[in-house]
Amino acid sequence: MQNITNSLIVVAIIAWLLQIILGWWQVTKFNQEFEKLCKQGNVGIGRTKGRFKPKVVIAIAFDQNHRVVNSIILKGLTVFSRPKTITKLQGLLHNEIVPEAIFPNDRHSQEALMEAIRLQ
């Protein structure tokens, strides 16, 4: 019985360490993409709120004319999700962005997008 307990403890520790490493890697990838956005213009960032739902983070770079020059979205439940470009936003003016049209079936992404454009 002690062998099984020790094995379970070792597996739990390995899983915990793997979670830390993969989480760090995910944050590093997002930060690299975010730095690229910051060099392209003024950046708005939004994320979903709440504790027990999928998280969505959206960052949008606007030029001096309030036109979207680039954007990224990070969404998912696991550390394996990666930042992706939101191609539907490319070239839109700030006041042309309609979250319901960009993400028609994704309320969480709509919420994050509204937050990202709120102060721009």
Protein backbone atom coordinates (compact mmCIF):
# COMPACT_ATOMS: atom_id res chain seq x y z
CA MET A 1 0.00 0.00 0.00
CA GLN A 2 2.87 2.37 0.76
CA ASN A 3 4.24 1.83 -2.77
CA ILE A 4 0.95 2.98 -4.32
CA THR A 5 0.82 6.05 -2.07
CA ASN A 6 4.40 7.01 -2.90
CA SER A 7 3.71 6.51 -6.62
CA LEU A 8 0.64 8.73 -6.46
CA ILE A 9 2.57 11.45 -4.65
CA VAL A 10 5.34 11.33 -7.27
CA VAL A 11 2.79 11.51 -10.12
CA ALA A 12 1.06 14.48 -8.45
CA ILE A 13 4.37 16.32 -8.03
CA ILE A 14 5.35 15.69 -11.65
CA ALA A 15 1.93 16.90 -12.87
CA TRP A 16 2.21 20.02 -10.71
CA LEU A 17 5.71 20.81 -12.02
CA LEU A 18 4.58 20.22 -15.59
CA GLN A 19 1.67 22.61 -15.04
CA ILE A 20 4.06 25.30 -13.76
CA ILE A 21 6.46 24.87 -16.70
CA LEU A 22 3.73 24.85 -19.36
CA GLY A 23 1.97 27.81 -17.73
CA TRP A 24 5.21 29.78 -17.78
CA TRP A 25 5.71 28.86 -21.44
CA GLN A 26 2.18 30.02 -22.31
CA VAL A 27 2.64 33.36 -20.56
CA THR A 28 6.00 33.85 -22.28
CA LYS A 29 4.46 33.25 -25.72
CA PHE A 30 1.62 35.66 -24.98
CA ASN A 31 4.03 38.33 -23.70
CA GLN A 32 6.15 38.04 -26.86
CA GLU A 33 3.08 38.58 -29.04
CA PHE A 34 1.90 41.41 -26.79
CA GLU A 35 5.26 43.18 -27.10
CA LYS A 36 4.94 43.01 -30.90
CA LEU A 37 1.50 44.62 -30.65
CA CYS A 38 2.79 47.41 -28.42
CA LYS A 39 5.31 48.35 -31.12
CA GLN A 40 2.51 48.66 -33.70
CA GLY A 41 0.32 51.24 -31.96
CA ASN A 42 -1.89 51.95 -28.97
CA VAL A 43 -3.02 48.69 -27.43
CA GLY A 44 -6.35 47.88 -25.82
CA ILE A 45 -6.59 44.70 -23.78
CA GLY A 46 -9.60 42.91 -22.40
CA ARG A 47 -10.30 39.66 -20.62
CA THR A 48 -13.24 37.77 -19.28
CA LYS A 49 -14.04 37.89 -15.62
CA GLY A 50 -15.14 35.08 -13.39
CA ARG A 51 -13.58 32.13 -11.72
CA PHE A 52 -15.09 29.00 -13.23
CA LYS A 53 -15.42 29.72 -16.92
CA PRO A 54 -13.02 29.62 -19.87
CA LYS A 55 -10.72 32.63 -19.87
CA VAL A 56 -10.35 34.80 -22.96
CA VAL A 57 -7.74 37.54 -23.35
CA ILE A 58 -7.83 39.86 -26.37
CA ALA A 59 -5.28 42.55 -27.23
CA ILE A 60 -5.77 44.96 -30.14
CA ALA A 61 -3.26 47.43 -31.60
CA PHE A 62 -4.73 50.62 -33.09
CA ASP A 63 -2.88 53.13 -35.28
CA GLN A 64 -3.19 56.90 -34.85
CA ASN A 65 -6.41 56.88 -36.94
CA HIS A 66 -8.02 54.30 -34.59
CA ARG A 67 -7.76 51.55 -37.20
CA VAL A 68 -6.89 48.01 -36.10
CA VAL A 69 -3.39 47.10 -37.28
CA ASN A 70 -3.13 43.78 -35.44
CA SER A 71 -4.79 41.76 -32.71
CA ILE A 72 -4.37 38.56 -30.73
CA ILE A 73 -6.67 36.30 -28.78
CA LEU A 74 -5.74 33.74 -26.15
CA LYS A 75 -8.55 31.48 -25.06
CA GLY A 76 -8.96 28.06 -23.61
CA LEU A 77 -8.99 25.98 -20.50
CA THR A 78 -5.52 24.49 -20.75
CA VAL A 79 -1.92 25.64 -20.88
CA PHE A 80 -1.76 24.35 -24.46
CA SER A 81 -3.75 27.28 -25.89
CA ARG A 82 -1.64 29.74 -27.88
CA PRO A 83 -2.20 33.36 -28.98
CA LYS A 84 -3.81 33.66 -32.40
CA THR A 85 -4.51 36.59 -34.71
CA ILE A 86 -8.11 37.75 -35.07
CA THR A 87 -8.24 38.25 -38.83
CA LYS A 88 -11.81 39.63 -38.80
CA LEU A 89 -10.61 42.74 -36.95
CA GLN A 90 -7.80 43.62 -39.35
CA GLY A 91 -8.29 47.10 -40.82
CA LEU A 92 -11.51 47.95 -38.98
CA LEU A 93 -11.96 51.35 -37.42
CA HIS A 94 -12.61 51.42 -33.67
CA ASN A 95 -16.27 52.42 -34.12
CA GLU A 96 -16.82 49.66 -36.72
CA ILE A 97 -16.04 46.85 -34.27
CA VAL A 98 -19.17 44.93 -33.30
CA PRO A 99 -18.28 42.07 -30.91
CA GLU A 100 -21.45 40.14 -31.76
CA ALA A 101 -20.49 40.17 -35.47
CA ILE A 102 -16.86 39.20 -34.85
CA PHE A 103 -17.73 36.35 -32.43
CA PRO A 104 -21.39 35.50 -33.15
CA ASN A 105 -21.49 32.33 -31.03
CA ASP A 106 -18.91 33.09 -28.35
CA ARG A 107 -20.16 35.24 -25.47
CA HIS A 108 -16.83 35.05 -23.62
CA SER A 109 -14.89 36.41 -26.60
CA GLN A 110 -17.50 39.15 -27.07
CA GLU A 111 -17.02 40.17 -23.43
CA ALA A 112 -13.23 40.33 -23.76
CA LEU A 113 -13.47 42.28 -27.05
CA MET A 114 -15.84 44.83 -25.48
CA GLU A 115 -13.34 45.34 -22.68
CA ALA A 116 -10.44 45.72 -25.15
CA ILE A 117 -12.18 48.47 -27.15
CA ARG A 118 -13.87 50.20 -24.20
CA LEU A 119 -11.16 52.79 -23.48
CA GLN A 120 -9.85 53.31 -27.00
